[in-house]
Amino acid sequence: MSEQTTQSKEEGLLDALRVVIDPEIGMNVIELGLVRDTDIGEDSAHITMIMTTPFCPYAPQLLEQTRRTAQEFLGVPTTIEMGLEMWDP
């Protein structure tokens, strides 16, 4: 896949993920800076994201909604990983 196509897919993915809202804060995961890394391949994708607090009660829901939204947008199996860095608004 060309670098330009990968960049376009990443931009589209980040835009698509704006529908994933943190219910406690009321902002989307992109505005909050929770998506830290995306790795989009030809036949799979992987996303690393962090939470606003270490014991966020919505973490499982946010991770799964992000993964599912990304997979629907990209059309390839997508995995998600919770990063360990601390969120800094």
PDB file of N, CA and C in Angstrom:
ATOM      1  N   MET A   1       0.849  -1.173   0.000  1.00  0.00           N
ATOM      2  CA  MET A   1       0.000   0.000   0.000  1.00  0.00           C
ATOM      3  C   MET A   1       0.895   1.237   0.000  1.00  0.00           C
ATOM      4  N   SER A   2       0.558   2.223  -0.800  1.00  0.00           N
ATOM      5  CA  SER A   2       1.392   3.412  -0.878  1.00  0.00           C
ATOM      6  C   SER A   2       1.282   4.230   0.408  1.00  0.00           C
ATOM      7  N   GLU A   3       2.316   5.033   0.643  1.00  0.00           N
ATOM      8  CA  GLU A   3       2.330   5.859   1.858  1.00  0.00           C
ATOM      9  C   GLU A   3       1.166   6.838   1.865  1.00  0.00           C
ATOM     10  N   GLN A   4       0.846   7.387   0.690  1.00  0.00           N
ATOM     11  CA  GLN A   4      -0.251   8.353   0.612  1.00  0.00           C
ATOM     12  C   GLN A   4      -1.589   7.675   0.934  1.00  0.00           C
ATOM     13  N   THR A   5      -1.792   6.468   0.434  1.00  0.00           N
ATOM     14  CA  THR A   5      -3.033   5.746   0.709  1.00  0.00           C
ATOM     15  C   THR A   5      -3.144   5.439   2.196  1.00  0.00           C
ATOM     16  N   THR A   6      -2.030   4.996   2.799  1.00  0.00           N
ATOM     17  CA  THR A   6      -2.028   4.708   4.234  1.00  0.00           C
ATOM     18  C   THR A   6      -2.338   5.967   5.026  1.00  0.00           C
ATOM     19  N   GLN A   7      -1.752   7.095   4.639  1.00  0.00           N
ATOM     20  CA  GLN A   7      -2.004   8.354   5.336  1.00  0.00           C
ATOM     21  C   GLN A   7      -3.474   8.762   5.183  1.00  0.00           C
ATOM     22  N   SER A   8      -4.039   8.591   3.998  1.00  0.00           N
ATOM     23  CA  SER A   8      -5.439   8.926   3.773  1.00  0.00           C
ATOM     24  C   SER A   8      -6.343   8.045   4.626  1.00  0.00           C
ATOM     25  N   LYS A   9      -6.009   6.746   4.703  1.00  0.00           N
ATOM     26  CA  LYS A   9      -6.805   5.838   5.528  1.00  0.00           C
ATOM     27  C   LYS A   9      -6.714   6.227   6.991  1.00  0.00           C
ATOM     28  N   GLU A  10      -5.519   6.609   7.433  1.00  0.00           N
ATOM     29  CA  GLU A  10      -5.358   6.997   8.834  1.00  0.00           C
ATOM     30  C   GLU A  10      -6.167   8.258   9.133  1.00  0.00           C
ATOM     31  N   GLU A  11      -6.117   9.239   8.244  1.00  0.00           N
ATOM     32  CA  GLU A  11      -6.905  10.461   8.441  1.00  0.00           C
ATOM     33  C   GLU A  11      -8.400  10.144   8.468  1.00  0.00           C
ATOM     34  N   GLY A  12      -8.840   9.278   7.565  1.00  0.00           N
ATOM     35  CA  GLY A  12     -10.240   8.878   7.527  1.00  0.00           C
ATOM     36  C   GLY A  12     -10.640   8.127   8.792  1.00  0.00           C
ATOM     37  N   LEU A  13      -9.734   7.257   9.257  1.00  0.00           N
ATOM     38  CA  LEU A  13      -9.994   6.504  10.477  1.00  0.00           C
ATOM     39  C   LEU A  13     -10.150   7.440  11.667  1.00  0.00           C
ATOM     40  N   LEU A  14      -9.232   8.376  11.806  1.00  0.00           N
ATOM     41  CA  LEU A  14      -9.313   9.317  12.932  1.00  0.00           C
ATOM     42  C   LEU A  14     -10.602  10.127  12.868  1.00  0.00           C
ATOM     43  N   ASP A  15     -11.009  10.484  11.668  1.00  0.00           N
ATOM     44  CA  ASP A  15     -12.269  11.203  11.510  1.00  0.00           C
ATOM     45  C   ASP A  15     -13.447  10.303  11.892  1.00  0.00           C
ATOM     46  N   ALA A  16     -13.407   9.041  11.470  1.00  0.00           N
ATOM     47  CA  ALA A  16     -14.483   8.093  11.792  1.00  0.00           C
ATOM     48  C   ALA A  16     -14.589   7.861  13.299  1.00  0.00           C
ATOM     49  N   LEU A  17     -13.462   7.896  13.995  1.00  0.00           N
ATOM     50  CA  LEU A  17     -13.462   7.631  15.435  1.00  0.00           C
ATOM     51  C   LEU A  17     -14.022   8.797  16.259  1.00  0.00           C
ATOM     52  N   ARG A  18     -14.312   9.902  15.610  1.00  0.00           N
ATOM     53  CA  ARG A  18     -14.898  11.049  16.330  1.00  0.00           C
ATOM     54  C   ARG A  18     -16.314  10.752  16.850  1.00  0.00           C
ATOM     55  N   VAL A  19     -16.913   9.653  16.393  1.00  0.00           N
ATOM     56  CA  VAL A  19     -18.240   9.285  16.902  1.00  0.00           C
ATOM     57  C   VAL A  19     -18.154   8.551  18.240  1.00  0.00           C
ATOM     58  N   VAL A  20     -16.946   8.136  18.642  1.00  0.00           N
ATOM     59  CA  VAL A  20     -16.772   7.410  19.906  1.00  0.00           C
ATOM     60  C   VAL A  20     -16.606   8.444  21.023  1.00  0.00           C
ATOM     61  N   ILE A  21     -17.625   8.550  21.873  1.00  0.00           N
ATOM     62  CA  ILE A  21     -17.677   9.587  22.903  1.00  0.00           C
ATOM     63  C   ILE A  21     -17.382   8.998  24.280  1.00  0.00           C
ATOM     64  N   ASP A  22     -16.522   9.668  25.054  1.00  0.00           N
ATOM     65  CA  ASP A  22     -16.299   9.293  26.452  1.00  0.00           C
ATOM     66  C   ASP A  22     -17.516   9.794  27.226  1.00  0.00           C
ATOM     67  N   PRO A  23     -18.323   8.876  27.793  1.00  0.00           N
ATOM     68  CA  PRO A  23     -19.576   9.296  28.429  1.00  0.00           C
ATOM     69  C   PRO A  23     -19.387  10.162  29.670  1.00  0.00           C
ATOM     70  N   GLU A  24     -18.262  10.056  30.349  1.00  0.00           N
ATOM     71  CA  GLU A  24     -18.038  10.882  31.537  1.00  0.00           C
ATOM     72  C   GLU A  24     -17.694  12.321  31.178  1.00  0.00           C
ATOM     73  N   ILE A  25     -16.920  12.498  30.114  1.00  0.00           N
ATOM     74  CA  ILE A  25     -16.437  13.837  29.751  1.00  0.00           C
ATOM     75  C   ILE A  25     -17.296  14.466  28.656  1.00  0.00           C
ATOM     76  N   GLY A  26     -17.918  13.626  27.822  1.00  0.00           N
ATOM     77  CA  GLY A  26     -18.780  14.147  26.772  1.00  0.00           C
ATOM     78  C   GLY A  26     -18.027  14.628  25.540  1.00  0.00           C
ATOM     79  N   MET A  27     -16.775  14.215  25.398  1.00  0.00           N
ATOM     80  CA  MET A  27     -15.983  14.555  24.213  1.00  0.00           C
ATOM     81  C   MET A  27     -15.552  13.256  23.545  1.00  0.00           C
ATOM     82  N   ASN A  28     -15.195  13.362  22.253  1.00  0.00           N
ATOM     83  CA  ASN A  28     -14.807  12.137  21.560  1.00  0.00           C
ATOM     84  C   ASN A  28     -13.346  11.767  21.833  1.00  0.00           C
ATOM     85  N   VAL A  29     -13.006  10.518  21.522  1.00  0.00           N
ATOM     86  CA  VAL A  29     -11.673   9.990  21.852  1.00  0.00           C
ATOM     87  C   VAL A  29     -10.563  10.686  21.072  1.00  0.00           C
ATOM     88  N   ILE A  30     -10.877  11.286  19.935  1.00  0.00           N
ATOM     89  CA  ILE A  30      -9.871  12.015  19.160  1.00  0.00           C
ATOM     90  C   ILE A  30      -9.597  13.371  19.809  1.00  0.00           C
ATOM     91  N   GLU A  31     -10.663  14.119  20.136  1.00  0.00           N
ATOM     92  CA  GLU A  31     -10.495  15.420  20.808  1.00  0.00           C
ATOM     93  C   GLU A  31      -9.744  15.262  22.128  1.00  0.00           C
ATOM     94  N   LEU A  32     -10.005  14.164  22.820  1.00  0.00           N
ATOM     95  CA  LEU A  32      -9.344  13.924  24.106  1.00  0.00           C
ATOM     96  C   LEU A  32      -7.901  13.448  23.947  1.00  0.00           C
ATOM     97  N   GLY A  33      -7.515  13.064  22.746  1.00  0.00           N
ATOM     98  CA  GLY A  33      -6.155  12.579  22.510  1.00  0.00           C
ATOM     99  C   GLY A  33      -5.919  11.174  23.038  1.00  0.00           C
ATOM    100  N   LEU A  34      -6.970  10.362  23.091  1.00  0.00           N
ATOM    101  CA  LEU A  34      -6.828   9.020  23.651  1.00  0.00           C
ATOM    102  C   LEU A  34      -6.259   8.016  22.649  1.00  0.00           C
ATOM    103  N   VAL A  35      -6.441   8.252  21.360  1.00  0.00           N
ATOM    104  CA  VAL A  35      -5.861   7.358  20.352  1.00  0.00           C
ATOM    105  C   VAL A  35      -4.404   7.763  20.168  1.00  0.00           C
ATOM    106  N   ARG A  36      -3.497   6.859  20.537  1.00  0.00           N
ATOM    107  CA  ARG A  36      -2.072   7.161  20.525  1.00  0.00           C
ATOM    108  C   ARG A  36      -1.337   6.650  19.314  1.00  0.00           C
ATOM    109  N   ASP A  37      -1.816   5.538  18.721  1.00  0.00           N
ATOM    110  CA  ASP A  37      -1.097   4.981  17.578  1.00  0.00           C
ATOM    111  C   ASP A  37      -2.063   4.151  16.739  1.00  0.00           C
ATOM    112  N   THR A  38      -1.876   4.221  15.433  1.00  0.00           N
ATOM    113  CA  THR A  38      -2.631   3.361  14.533  1.00  0.00           C
ATOM    114  C   THR A  38      -1.643   2.687  13.597  1.00  0.00           C
ATOM    115  N   ASP A  39      -1.869   1.416  13.346  1.00  0.00           N
ATOM    116  CA  ASP A  39      -1.041   0.651  12.423  1.00  0.00           C
ATOM    117  C   ASP A  39      -1.998  -0.038  11.462  1.00  0.00           C
ATOM    118  N   ILE A  40      -2.102   0.507  10.260  1.00  0.00           N
ATOM    119  CA  ILE A  40      -3.058  -0.002   9.277  1.00  0.00           C
ATOM    120  C   ILE A  40      -2.301  -0.780   8.214  1.00  0.00           C
ATOM    121  N   GLY A  41      -2.590  -2.071   8.143  1.00  0.00           N
ATOM    122  CA  GLY A  41      -1.982  -2.918   7.123  1.00  0.00           C
ATOM    123  C   GLY A  41      -2.988  -3.242   6.037  1.00  0.00           C
ATOM    124  N   GLU A  42      -2.552  -4.076   5.095  1.00  0.00           N
ATOM    125  CA  GLU A  42      -3.423  -4.460   3.976  1.00  0.00           C
ATOM    126  C   GLU A  42      -4.586  -5.328   4.442  1.00  0.00           C
ATOM    127  N   ASP A  43      -4.313  -6.208   5.445  1.00  0.00           N
ATOM    128  CA  ASP A  43      -5.358  -7.152   5.849  1.00  0.00           C
ATOM    129  C   ASP A  43      -5.652  -7.139   7.345  1.00  0.00           C
ATOM    130  N   SER A  44      -5.134  -6.139   8.059  1.00  0.00           N
ATOM    131  CA  SER A  44      -5.447  -5.995   9.486  1.00  0.00           C
ATOM    132  C   SER A  44      -5.049  -4.599   9.951  1.00  0.00           C
ATOM    133  N   ALA A  45      -5.530  -4.246  11.142  1.00  0.00           N
ATOM    134  CA  ALA A  45      -5.181  -2.949  11.723  1.00  0.00           C
ATOM    135  C   ALA A  45      -5.047  -3.118  13.236  1.00  0.00           C
ATOM    136  N   HIS A  46      -4.269  -2.223  13.836  1.00  0.00           N
ATOM    137  CA  HIS A  46      -4.071  -2.253  15.282  1.00  0.00           C
ATOM    138  C   HIS A  46      -4.075  -0.813  15.797  1.00  0.00           C
ATOM    139  N   ILE A  47      -4.771  -0.593  16.901  1.00  0.00           N
ATOM    140  CA  ILE A  47      -4.873   0.733  17.503  1.00  0.00           C
ATOM    141  C   ILE A  47      -4.403   0.653  18.948  1.00  0.00           C
ATOM    142  N   THR A  48      -3.635   1.642  19.360  1.00  0.00           N
ATOM    143  CA  THR A  48      -3.260   1.779  20.765  1.00  0.00           C
ATOM    144  C   THR A  48      -3.927   3.041  21.278  1.00  0.00           C
ATOM    145  N   MET A  49      -4.629   2.907  22.402  1.00  0.00           N
ATOM    146  CA  MET A  49      -5.256   4.089  22.993  1.00  0.00           C
ATOM    147  C   MET A  49      -5.102   4.044  24.511  1.00  0.00           C
ATOM    148  N   ILE A  50      -5.253   5.200  25.127  1.00  0.00           N
ATOM    149  CA  ILE A  50      -5.160   5.304  26.577  1.00  0.00           C
ATOM    150  C   ILE A  50      -6.511   5.743  27.131  1.00  0.00           C
ATOM    151  N   MET A  51      -6.645   5.682  28.429  1.00  0.00           N
ATOM    152  CA  MET A  51      -7.866   6.131  29.096  1.00  0.00           C
ATOM    153  C   MET A  51      -7.570   7.429  29.852  1.00  0.00           C
ATOM    154  N   THR A  52      -8.621   8.141  30.222  1.00  0.00           N
ATOM    155  CA  THR A  52      -8.439   9.401  30.946  1.00  0.00           C
ATOM    156  C   THR A  52      -7.998   9.161  32.391  1.00  0.00           C
ATOM    157  N   THR A  53      -8.375   8.020  32.954  1.00  0.00           N
ATOM    158  CA  THR A  53      -7.939   7.652  34.304  1.00  0.00           C
ATOM    159  C   THR A  53      -7.546   6.175  34.294  1.00  0.00           C
ATOM    160  N   PRO A  54      -6.623   5.770  35.167  1.00  0.00           N
ATOM    161  CA  PRO A  54      -6.161   4.376  35.164  1.00  0.00           C
ATOM    162  C   PRO A  54      -7.272   3.352  35.389  1.00  0.00           C
ATOM    163  N   PHE A  55      -8.286   3.705  36.167  1.00  0.00           N
ATOM    164  CA  PHE A  55      -9.359   2.756  36.456  1.00  0.00           C
ATOM    165  C   PHE A  55     -10.686   3.239  35.878  1.00  0.00           C
ATOM    166  N   CYS A  56     -10.630   3.756  34.665  1.00  0.00           N
ATOM    167  CA  CYS A  56     -11.822   4.278  33.990  1.00  0.00           C
ATOM    168  C   CYS A  56     -12.891   3.190  33.926  1.00  0.00           C
ATOM    169  N   PRO A  57     -14.070   3.447  34.499  1.00  0.00           N
ATOM    170  CA  PRO A  57     -15.127   2.425  34.483  1.00  0.00           C
ATOM    171  C   PRO A  57     -15.660   2.141  33.079  1.00  0.00           C
ATOM    172  N   TYR A  58     -15.422   3.047  32.153  1.00  0.00           N
ATOM    173  CA  TYR A  58     -15.913   2.879  30.783  1.00  0.00           C
ATOM    174  C   TYR A  58     -14.848   2.309  29.846  1.00  0.00           C
ATOM    175  N   ALA A  59     -13.681   1.944  30.366  1.00  0.00           N
ATOM    176  CA  ALA A  59     -12.580   1.470  29.522  1.00  0.00           C
ATOM    177  C   ALA A  59     -12.991   0.324  28.598  1.00  0.00           C
ATOM    178  N   PRO A  60     -13.589  -0.752  29.106  1.00  0.00           N
ATOM    179  CA  PRO A  60     -13.954  -1.845  28.190  1.00  0.00           C
ATOM    180  C   PRO A  60     -14.890  -1.390  27.074  1.00  0.00           C
ATOM    181  N   GLN A  61     -15.877  -0.571  27.420  1.00  0.00           N
ATOM    182  CA  GLN A  61     -16.838  -0.074  26.431  1.00  0.00           C
ATOM    183  C   GLN A  61     -16.143   0.820  25.395  1.00  0.00           C
ATOM    184  N   LEU A  62     -15.297   1.738  25.853  1.00  0.00           N
ATOM    185  CA  LEU A  62     -14.604   2.650  24.933  1.00  0.00           C
ATOM    186  C   LEU A  62     -13.655   1.898  24.010  1.00  0.00           C
ATOM    187  N   LEU A  63     -12.916   0.943  24.567  1.00  0.00           N
ATOM    188  CA  LEU A  63     -11.990   0.158  23.750  1.00  0.00           C
ATOM    189  C   LEU A  63     -12.741  -0.629  22.685  1.00  0.00           C
ATOM    190  N   GLU A  64     -13.809  -1.293  23.073  1.00  0.00           N
ATOM    191  CA  GLU A  64     -14.567  -2.104  22.111  1.00  0.00           C
ATOM    192  C   GLU A  64     -15.271  -1.233  21.080  1.00  0.00           C
ATOM    193  N   GLN A  65     -15.828  -0.117  21.492  1.00  0.00           N
ATOM    194  CA  GLN A  65     -16.500   0.767  20.531  1.00  0.00           C
ATOM    195  C   GLN A  65     -15.490   1.342  19.540  1.00  0.00           C
ATOM    196  N   THR A  66     -14.302   1.687  20.019  1.00  0.00           N
ATOM    197  CA  THR A  66     -13.245   2.199  19.140  1.00  0.00           C
ATOM    198  C   THR A  66     -12.820   1.109  18.156  1.00  0.00           C
ATOM    199  N   ARG A  67     -12.593  -0.106  18.669  1.00  0.00           N
ATOM    200  CA  ARG A  67     -12.174  -1.218  17.816  1.00  0.00           C
ATOM    201  C   ARG A  67     -13.225  -1.513  16.749  1.00  0.00           C
ATOM    202  N   ARG A  68     -14.479  -1.597  17.159  1.00  0.00           N
ATOM    203  CA  ARG A  68     -15.569  -1.920  16.242  1.00  0.00           C
ATOM    204  C   ARG A  68     -15.753  -0.817  15.188  1.00  0.00           C
ATOM    205  N   THR A  69     -15.688   0.437  15.603  1.00  0.00           N
ATOM    206  CA  THR A  69     -15.835   1.556  14.666  1.00  0.00           C
ATOM    207  C   THR A  69     -14.699   1.544  13.645  1.00  0.00           C
ATOM    208  N   ALA A  70     -13.480   1.307  14.122  1.00  0.00           N
ATOM    209  CA  ALA A  70     -12.327   1.253  13.222  1.00  0.00           C
ATOM    210  C   ALA A  70     -12.464   0.102  12.237  1.00  0.00           C
ATOM    211  N   GLN A  71     -12.866  -1.062  12.733  1.00  0.00           N
ATOM    212  CA  GLN A  71     -12.997  -2.244  11.878  1.00  0.00           C
ATOM    213  C   GLN A  71     -14.058  -2.025  10.805  1.00  0.00           C
ATOM    214  N   GLU A  72     -15.172  -1.400  11.177  1.00  0.00           N
ATOM    215  CA  GLU A  72     -16.229  -1.108  10.200  1.00  0.00           C
ATOM    216  C   GLU A  72     -15.740  -0.118   9.149  1.00  0.00           C
ATOM    217  N   PHE A  73     -14.983   0.889   9.570  1.00  0.00           N
ATOM    218  CA  PHE A  73     -14.480   1.888   8.627  1.00  0.00           C
ATOM    219  C   PHE A  73     -13.435   1.284   7.690  1.00  0.00           C
ATOM    220  N   LEU A  74     -12.485   0.537   8.255  1.00  0.00           N
ATOM    221  CA  LEU A  74     -11.370   0.017   7.464  1.00  0.00           C
ATOM    222  C   LEU A  74     -11.724  -1.237   6.667  1.00  0.00           C
ATOM    223  N   GLY A  75     -12.683  -2.020   7.163  1.00  0.00           N
ATOM    224  CA  GLY A  75     -13.059  -3.239   6.473  1.00  0.00           C
ATOM    225  C   GLY A  75     -12.068  -4.375   6.641  1.00  0.00           C
ATOM    226  N   VAL A  76     -11.222  -4.287   7.667  1.00  0.00           N
ATOM    227  CA  VAL A  76     -10.266  -5.365   7.965  1.00  0.00           C
ATOM    228  C   VAL A  76     -10.325  -5.664   9.459  1.00  0.00           C
ATOM    229  N   PRO A  77      -9.967  -6.900   9.866  1.00  0.00           N
ATOM    230  CA  PRO A  77      -9.938  -7.213  11.292  1.00  0.00           C
ATOM    231  C   PRO A  77      -9.047  -6.222  12.040  1.00  0.00           C
ATOM    232  N   THR A  78      -9.548  -5.733  13.159  1.00  0.00           N
ATOM    233  CA  THR A  78      -8.836  -4.703  13.913  1.00  0.00           C
ATOM    234  C   THR A  78      -8.701  -5.134  15.363  1.00  0.00           C
ATOM    235  N   THR A  79      -7.495  -4.950  15.899  1.00  0.00           N
ATOM    236  CA  THR A  79      -7.238  -5.221  17.313  1.00  0.00           C
ATOM    237  C   THR A  79      -6.981  -3.895  18.009  1.00  0.00           C
ATOM    238  N   ILE A  80      -7.174  -3.915  19.326  1.00  0.00           N
ATOM    239  CA  ILE A  80      -6.955  -2.693  20.097  1.00  0.00           C
ATOM    240  C   ILE A  80      -6.197  -3.036  21.360  1.00  0.00           C
ATOM    241  N   GLU A  81      -5.371  -2.117  21.774  1.00  0.00           N
ATOM    242  CA  GLU A  81      -4.527  -2.317  22.952  1.00  0.00           C
ATOM    243  C   GLU A  81      -4.631  -1.065  23.821  1.00  0.00           C
ATOM    244  N   MET A  82      -4.700  -1.264  25.126  1.00  0.00           N
ATOM    245  CA  MET A  82      -4.731  -0.117  26.030  1.00  0.00           C
ATOM    246  C   MET A  82      -3.300   0.220  26.427  1.00  0.00           C
ATOM    247  N   GLY A  83      -2.859   1.417  26.048  1.00  0.00           N
ATOM    248  CA  GLY A  83      -1.529   1.882  26.408  1.00  0.00           C
ATOM    249  C   GLY A  83      -1.481   2.236  27.888  1.00  0.00           C
ATOM    250  N   LEU A  84      -0.272   2.312  28.417  1.00  0.00           N
ATOM    251  CA  LEU A  84      -0.109   2.539  29.839  1.00  0.00           C
ATOM    252  C   LEU A  84       0.262   3.972  30.202  1.00  0.00           C
ATOM    253  N   GLU A  85       0.507   4.826  29.196  1.00  0.00           N
ATOM    254  CA  GLU A  85       0.889   6.190  29.543  1.00  0.00           C
ATOM    255  C   GLU A  85      -0.275   6.929  30.184  1.00  0.00           C
ATOM    256  N   MET A  86       0.039   7.897  30.986  1.00  0.00           N
ATOM    257  CA  MET A  86      -0.983   8.684  31.685  1.00  0.00           C
ATOM    258  C   MET A  86      -1.524   9.759  30.746  1.00  0.00           C
ATOM    259  N   TRP A  87      -2.822   9.978  30.835  1.00  0.00           N
ATOM    260  CA  TRP A  87      -3.474  11.011  30.027  1.00  0.00           C
ATOM    261  C   TRP A  87      -3.193  12.361  30.673  1.00  0.00           C
ATOM    262  N   ASP A  88      -2.881  13.356  29.846  1.00  0.00           N
ATOM    263  CA  ASP A  88      -2.626  14.708  30.329  1.00  0.00           C
ATOM    264  C   ASP A  88      -3.438  15.671  29.462  1.00  0.00           C
ATOM    265  N   PRO A  89      -4.530  16.180  30.047  1.00  0.00           N
ATOM    266  CA  PRO A  89      -5.406  17.055  29.246  1.00  0.00           C
ATOM    267  C   PRO A  89      -4.674  18.327  28.832  1.00  0.00           C
TER     268      PRO A  89
END
